[in-house]
Amino acid sequence: MLRLSNLADYGVVVMTATARLASEGRPTSAAQVSALTGIPAPTVAKLMGQLGRAGLLVSQRGVAGGFSLARPAAAISLADIVEAIDGPIALTHCGQPGSDCDLSHSCAVKPHWAPVNRAVKAALAEVSLAELAPGLQTAPQRAFA
């Protein structure tokens, strides 16, 4: 079975909750996301920091501060979120930078992992945050006279 790490799974949940809360037009806090998701506040804060450093969230300081999506939910993919938390998407360590394996010089399978990893990443890249959080409110469109 292929599985995301617990933190990557929580990262997707945090981003989905942030997208829902931010669609109301104001930044959200780690405490609000924690209350909505049931994920402990320290974990949410840690994840929001990582997601911010990856350019998926932006933060504002001050009384009306908090976190917002750095770009529209439709422009953030599941692959973006997973890579922000877990690093490059790969099914094996084989072929990854810094991976050492006793068989790497004679392995006949090693060259074939790269296209498999690209296919998995492409599949995750096709799923947007907007699809994971259906029913997001969008800012009202202004009519120009």
C-alpha atoms as a PDB file:
ATOM      1  CA  MET A   1       0.000   0.000   0.000  1.00  0.00           C
ATOM      2  CA  LEU A   2       1.220   3.484  -0.859  1.00  0.00           C
ATOM      3  CA  ARG A   3       0.677   6.059   1.858  1.00  0.00           C
ATOM      4  CA  LEU A   4       1.371   9.689   2.492  1.00  0.00           C
ATOM      5  CA  SER A   5       3.126  10.534   5.729  1.00  0.00           C
ATOM      6  CA  ASN A   6       0.820  11.589   8.550  1.00  0.00           C
ATOM      7  CA  LEU A   7       2.139  15.145   8.287  1.00  0.00           C
ATOM      8  CA  ALA A   8       1.466  15.308   4.534  1.00  0.00           C
ATOM      9  CA  ASP A   9      -2.036  13.958   5.130  1.00  0.00           C
ATOM     10  CA  TYR A  10      -2.579  16.594   7.832  1.00  0.00           C
ATOM     11  CA  GLY A  11      -1.101  19.220   5.490  1.00  0.00           C
ATOM     12  CA  VAL A  12      -3.803  18.463   2.932  1.00  0.00           C
ATOM     13  CA  VAL A  13      -6.469  18.718   5.652  1.00  0.00           C
ATOM     14  CA  VAL A  14      -4.981  22.024   6.897  1.00  0.00           C
ATOM     15  CA  MET A  15      -4.881  23.481   3.375  1.00  0.00           C
ATOM     16  CA  THR A  16      -8.455  22.394   2.718  1.00  0.00           C
ATOM     17  CA  ALA A  17      -9.659  23.983   5.966  1.00  0.00           C
ATOM     18  CA  THR A  18      -7.650  27.151   5.265  1.00  0.00           C
ATOM     19  CA  ALA A  19      -9.179  27.375   1.795  1.00  0.00           C
ATOM     20  CA  ARG A  20     -12.681  27.062   3.255  1.00  0.00           C
ATOM     21  CA  LEU A  21     -12.074  29.622   6.003  1.00  0.00           C
ATOM     22  CA  ALA A  22     -10.174  32.027   3.736  1.00  0.00           C
ATOM     23  CA  SER A  23     -12.938  31.910   1.137  1.00  0.00           C
ATOM     24  CA  GLU A  24     -14.936  34.017   3.585  1.00  0.00           C
ATOM     25  CA  GLY A  25     -12.527  36.838   2.762  1.00  0.00           C
ATOM     26  CA  ARG A  26     -10.346  37.069   5.855  1.00  0.00           C
ATOM     27  CA  PRO A  27      -7.157  35.406   7.066  1.00  0.00           C
ATOM     28  CA  THR A  28      -7.454  32.454   9.414  1.00  0.00           C
ATOM     29  CA  SER A  29      -5.428  31.351  12.412  1.00  0.00           C
ATOM     30  CA  ALA A  30      -3.881  28.033  13.364  1.00  0.00           C
ATOM     31  CA  ALA A  31      -6.333  27.928  16.282  1.00  0.00           C
ATOM     32  CA  GLN A  32      -9.308  28.268  13.914  1.00  0.00           C
ATOM     33  CA  VAL A  33      -7.980  25.549  11.621  1.00  0.00           C
ATOM     34  CA  SER A  34      -7.294  23.334  14.636  1.00  0.00           C
ATOM     35  CA  ALA A  35     -10.848  23.815  15.915  1.00  0.00           C
ATOM     36  CA  LEU A  36     -12.303  23.016  12.488  1.00  0.00           C
ATOM     37  CA  THR A  37     -10.155  19.946  11.817  1.00  0.00           C
ATOM     38  CA  GLY A  38      -9.431  18.475  15.232  1.00  0.00           C
ATOM     39  CA  ILE A  39      -5.691  18.477  14.509  1.00  0.00           C
ATOM     40  CA  PRO A  40      -3.741  19.733  17.555  1.00  0.00           C
ATOM     41  CA  ALA A  41      -2.924  23.452  17.347  1.00  0.00           C
ATOM     42  CA  PRO A  42       0.891  22.972  17.621  1.00  0.00           C
ATOM     43  CA  THR A  43       0.790  20.576  14.654  1.00  0.00           C
ATOM     44  CA  VAL A  44      -1.361  22.987  12.640  1.00  0.00           C
ATOM     45  CA  ALA A  45       1.006  25.860  13.444  1.00  0.00           C
ATOM     46  CA  LYS A  46       4.019  23.778  12.370  1.00  0.00           C
ATOM     47  CA  LEU A  47       2.321  22.761   9.120  1.00  0.00           C
ATOM     48  CA  MET A  48       1.167  26.295   8.342  1.00  0.00           C
ATOM     49  CA  GLY A  49       4.751  27.460   8.785  1.00  0.00           C
ATOM     50  CA  GLN A  50       6.013  24.804   6.362  1.00  0.00           C
ATOM     51  CA  LEU A  51       3.254  25.567   3.869  1.00  0.00           C
ATOM     52  CA  GLY A  52       4.090  29.261   4.147  1.00  0.00           C
ATOM     53  CA  ARG A  53       7.797  28.655   3.527  1.00  0.00           C
ATOM     54  CA  ALA A  54       6.809  26.613   0.466  1.00  0.00           C
ATOM     55  CA  GLY A  55       4.851  29.568  -0.911  1.00  0.00           C
ATOM     56  CA  LEU A  56       1.396  28.020  -0.518  1.00  0.00           C
ATOM     57  CA  LEU A  57       0.245  30.231   2.358  1.00  0.00           C
ATOM     58  CA  VAL A  58       0.950  33.848   3.175  1.00  0.00           C
ATOM     59  CA  SER A  59       0.813  35.275   6.658  1.00  0.00           C
ATOM     60  CA  GLN A  60      -0.161  38.685   7.926  1.00  0.00           C
ATOM     61  CA  ARG A  61       0.772  39.993  11.345  1.00  0.00           C
ATOM     62  CA  GLY A  62      -1.436  42.036  13.574  1.00  0.00           C
ATOM     63  CA  VAL A  63      -4.919  42.029  15.035  1.00  0.00           C
ATOM     64  CA  ALA A  64      -6.570  41.169  11.716  1.00  0.00           C
ATOM     65  CA  GLY A  65      -3.702  38.873  10.746  1.00  0.00           C
ATOM     66  CA  GLY A  66      -3.505  35.194  10.035  1.00  0.00           C
ATOM     67  CA  PHE A  67      -2.934  32.908   7.081  1.00  0.00           C
ATOM     68  CA  SER A  68      -4.395  33.060   3.576  1.00  0.00           C
ATOM     69  CA  LEU A  69      -3.813  31.052   0.436  1.00  0.00           C
ATOM     70  CA  ALA A  70      -0.909  32.433  -1.583  1.00  0.00           C
ATOM     71  CA  ARG A  71      -2.796  31.804  -4.823  1.00  0.00           C
ATOM     72  CA  PRO A  72      -6.279  30.635  -5.798  1.00  0.00           C
ATOM     73  CA  ALA A  73      -7.264  27.147  -4.612  1.00  0.00           C
ATOM     74  CA  ALA A  74      -7.594  26.031  -8.227  1.00  0.00           C
ATOM     75  CA  ALA A  75      -3.895  26.878  -8.747  1.00  0.00           C
ATOM     76  CA  ILE A  76      -2.642  24.788  -5.806  1.00  0.00           C
ATOM     77  CA  SER A  77      -2.296  21.068  -6.466  1.00  0.00           C
ATOM     78  CA  LEU A  78      -2.202  18.069  -4.209  1.00  0.00           C
ATOM     79  CA  ALA A  79       1.384  17.546  -5.446  1.00  0.00           C
ATOM     80  CA  ASP A  80       2.290  21.090  -4.286  1.00  0.00           C
ATOM     81  CA  ILE A  81       0.999  20.342  -0.785  1.00  0.00           C
ATOM     82  CA  VAL A  82       2.624  16.908  -0.465  1.00  0.00           C
ATOM     83  CA  GLU A  83       5.986  18.207  -1.703  1.00  0.00           C
ATOM     84  CA  ALA A  84       5.814  21.153   0.706  1.00  0.00           C
ATOM     85  CA  ILE A  85       5.590  18.719   3.613  1.00  0.00           C
ATOM     86  CA  ASP A  86       7.400  15.547   2.483  1.00  0.00           C
ATOM     87  CA  GLY A  87       9.758  16.817  -0.214  1.00  0.00           C
ATOM     88  CA  PRO A  88      10.004  15.372  -3.726  1.00  0.00           C
ATOM     89  CA  ILE A  89       7.364  12.800  -4.626  1.00  0.00           C
ATOM     90  CA  ALA A  90       8.919   9.385  -5.151  1.00  0.00           C
ATOM     91  CA  LEU A  91       7.827   5.827  -4.491  1.00  0.00           C
ATOM     92  CA  THR A  92      11.302   4.668  -3.556  1.00  0.00           C
ATOM     93  CA  HIS A  93      14.522   6.224  -2.343  1.00  0.00           C
ATOM     94  CA  CYS A  94      16.172   4.720  -5.398  1.00  0.00           C
ATOM     95  CA  GLY A  95      17.400   7.412  -7.727  1.00  0.00           C
ATOM     96  CA  GLN A  96      16.775  10.232  -5.253  1.00  0.00           C
ATOM     97  CA  PRO A  97      19.621  12.643  -4.523  1.00  0.00           C
ATOM     98  CA  GLY A  98      21.685  11.400  -1.607  1.00  0.00           C
ATOM     99  CA  SER A  99      20.230   7.905  -1.642  1.00  0.00           C
ATOM    100  CA  ASP A 100      22.764   5.164  -1.237  1.00  0.00           C
ATOM    101  CA  CYS A 101      22.054   1.578  -2.075  1.00  0.00           C
ATOM    102  CA  ASP A 102      24.455  -1.334  -2.281  1.00  0.00           C
ATOM    103  CA  LEU A 103      22.813  -2.379  -5.557  1.00  0.00           C
ATOM    104  CA  SER A 104      22.751   1.007  -7.280  1.00  0.00           C
ATOM    105  CA  HIS A 105      25.630   0.222  -9.644  1.00  0.00           C
ATOM    106  CA  SER A 106      24.163  -3.035 -10.891  1.00  0.00           C
ATOM    107  CA  CYS A 107      20.410  -2.541 -10.472  1.00  0.00           C
ATOM    108  CA  ALA A 108      18.399  -3.115 -13.634  1.00  0.00           C
ATOM    109  CA  VAL A 109      15.260  -1.539 -12.137  1.00  0.00           C
ATOM    110  CA  LYS A 110      16.755   1.808 -11.041  1.00  0.00           C
ATOM    111  CA  PRO A 111      16.399   3.533 -14.442  1.00  0.00           C
ATOM    112  CA  HIS A 112      12.700   2.676 -14.542  1.00  0.00           C
ATOM    113  CA  TRP A 113      11.704   4.410 -11.306  1.00  0.00           C
ATOM    114  CA  ALA A 114      12.018   7.938 -12.741  1.00  0.00           C
ATOM    115  CA  PRO A 115       9.077   7.590 -15.177  1.00  0.00           C
ATOM    116  CA  VAL A 116       6.980   5.924 -12.466  1.00  0.00           C
ATOM    117  CA  ASN A 117       7.731   8.776 -10.069  1.00  0.00           C
ATOM    118  CA  ARG A 118       6.869  11.345 -12.762  1.00  0.00           C
ATOM    119  CA  ALA A 119       3.532   9.602 -13.399  1.00  0.00           C
ATOM    120  CA  VAL A 120       2.624   9.592  -9.700  1.00  0.00           C
ATOM    121  CA  LYS A 121       3.545  13.266  -9.376  1.00  0.00           C
ATOM    122  CA  ALA A 122       1.557  14.115 -12.516  1.00  0.00           C
ATOM    123  CA  ALA A 123      -1.503  12.330 -11.125  1.00  0.00           C
ATOM    124  CA  LEU A 124      -1.259  14.295  -7.860  1.00  0.00           C
ATOM    125  CA  ALA A 125      -0.660  17.522  -9.777  1.00  0.00           C
ATOM    126  CA  GLU A 126      -3.978  17.088 -11.596  1.00  0.00           C
ATOM    127  CA  VAL A 127      -5.970  17.339  -8.353  1.00  0.00           C
ATOM    128  CA  SER A 128      -6.447  20.928  -7.201  1.00  0.00           C
ATOM    129  CA  LEU A 129      -7.169  22.239  -3.740  1.00  0.00           C
ATOM    130  CA  ALA A 130     -10.437  23.590  -5.139  1.00  0.00           C
ATOM    131  CA  GLU A 131     -11.467  20.007  -5.970  1.00  0.00           C
ATOM    132  CA  LEU A 132     -10.565  18.879  -2.447  1.00  0.00           C
ATOM    133  CA  ALA A 133     -12.676  21.649  -0.907  1.00  0.00           C
ATOM    134  CA  PRO A 134     -15.798  21.780  -3.076  1.00  0.00           C
ATOM    135  CA  GLY A 135     -18.249  24.587  -2.534  1.00  0.00           C
ATOM    136  CA  LEU A 136     -15.642  27.249  -1.780  1.00  0.00           C
ATOM    137  CA  GLN A 137     -17.114  30.698  -1.796  1.00  0.00           C
ATOM    138  CA  THR A 138     -15.440  32.978  -4.269  1.00  0.00           C
ATOM    139  CA  ALA A 139     -15.219  36.720  -4.013  1.00  0.00           C
ATOM    140  CA  PRO A 140     -18.228  38.384  -5.651  1.00  0.00           C
ATOM    141  CA  GLN A 141     -17.588  39.631  -9.146  1.00  0.00           C
ATOM    142  CA  ARG A 142     -18.016  43.359  -9.625  1.00  0.00           C
ATOM    143  CA  ALA A 143     -20.152  44.566 -12.464  1.00  0.00           C
ATOM    144  CA  PHE A 144     -18.462  47.319 -14.443  1.00  0.00           C
ATOM    145  CA  ALA A 145     -20.701  49.982 -15.889  1.00  0.00           C
END
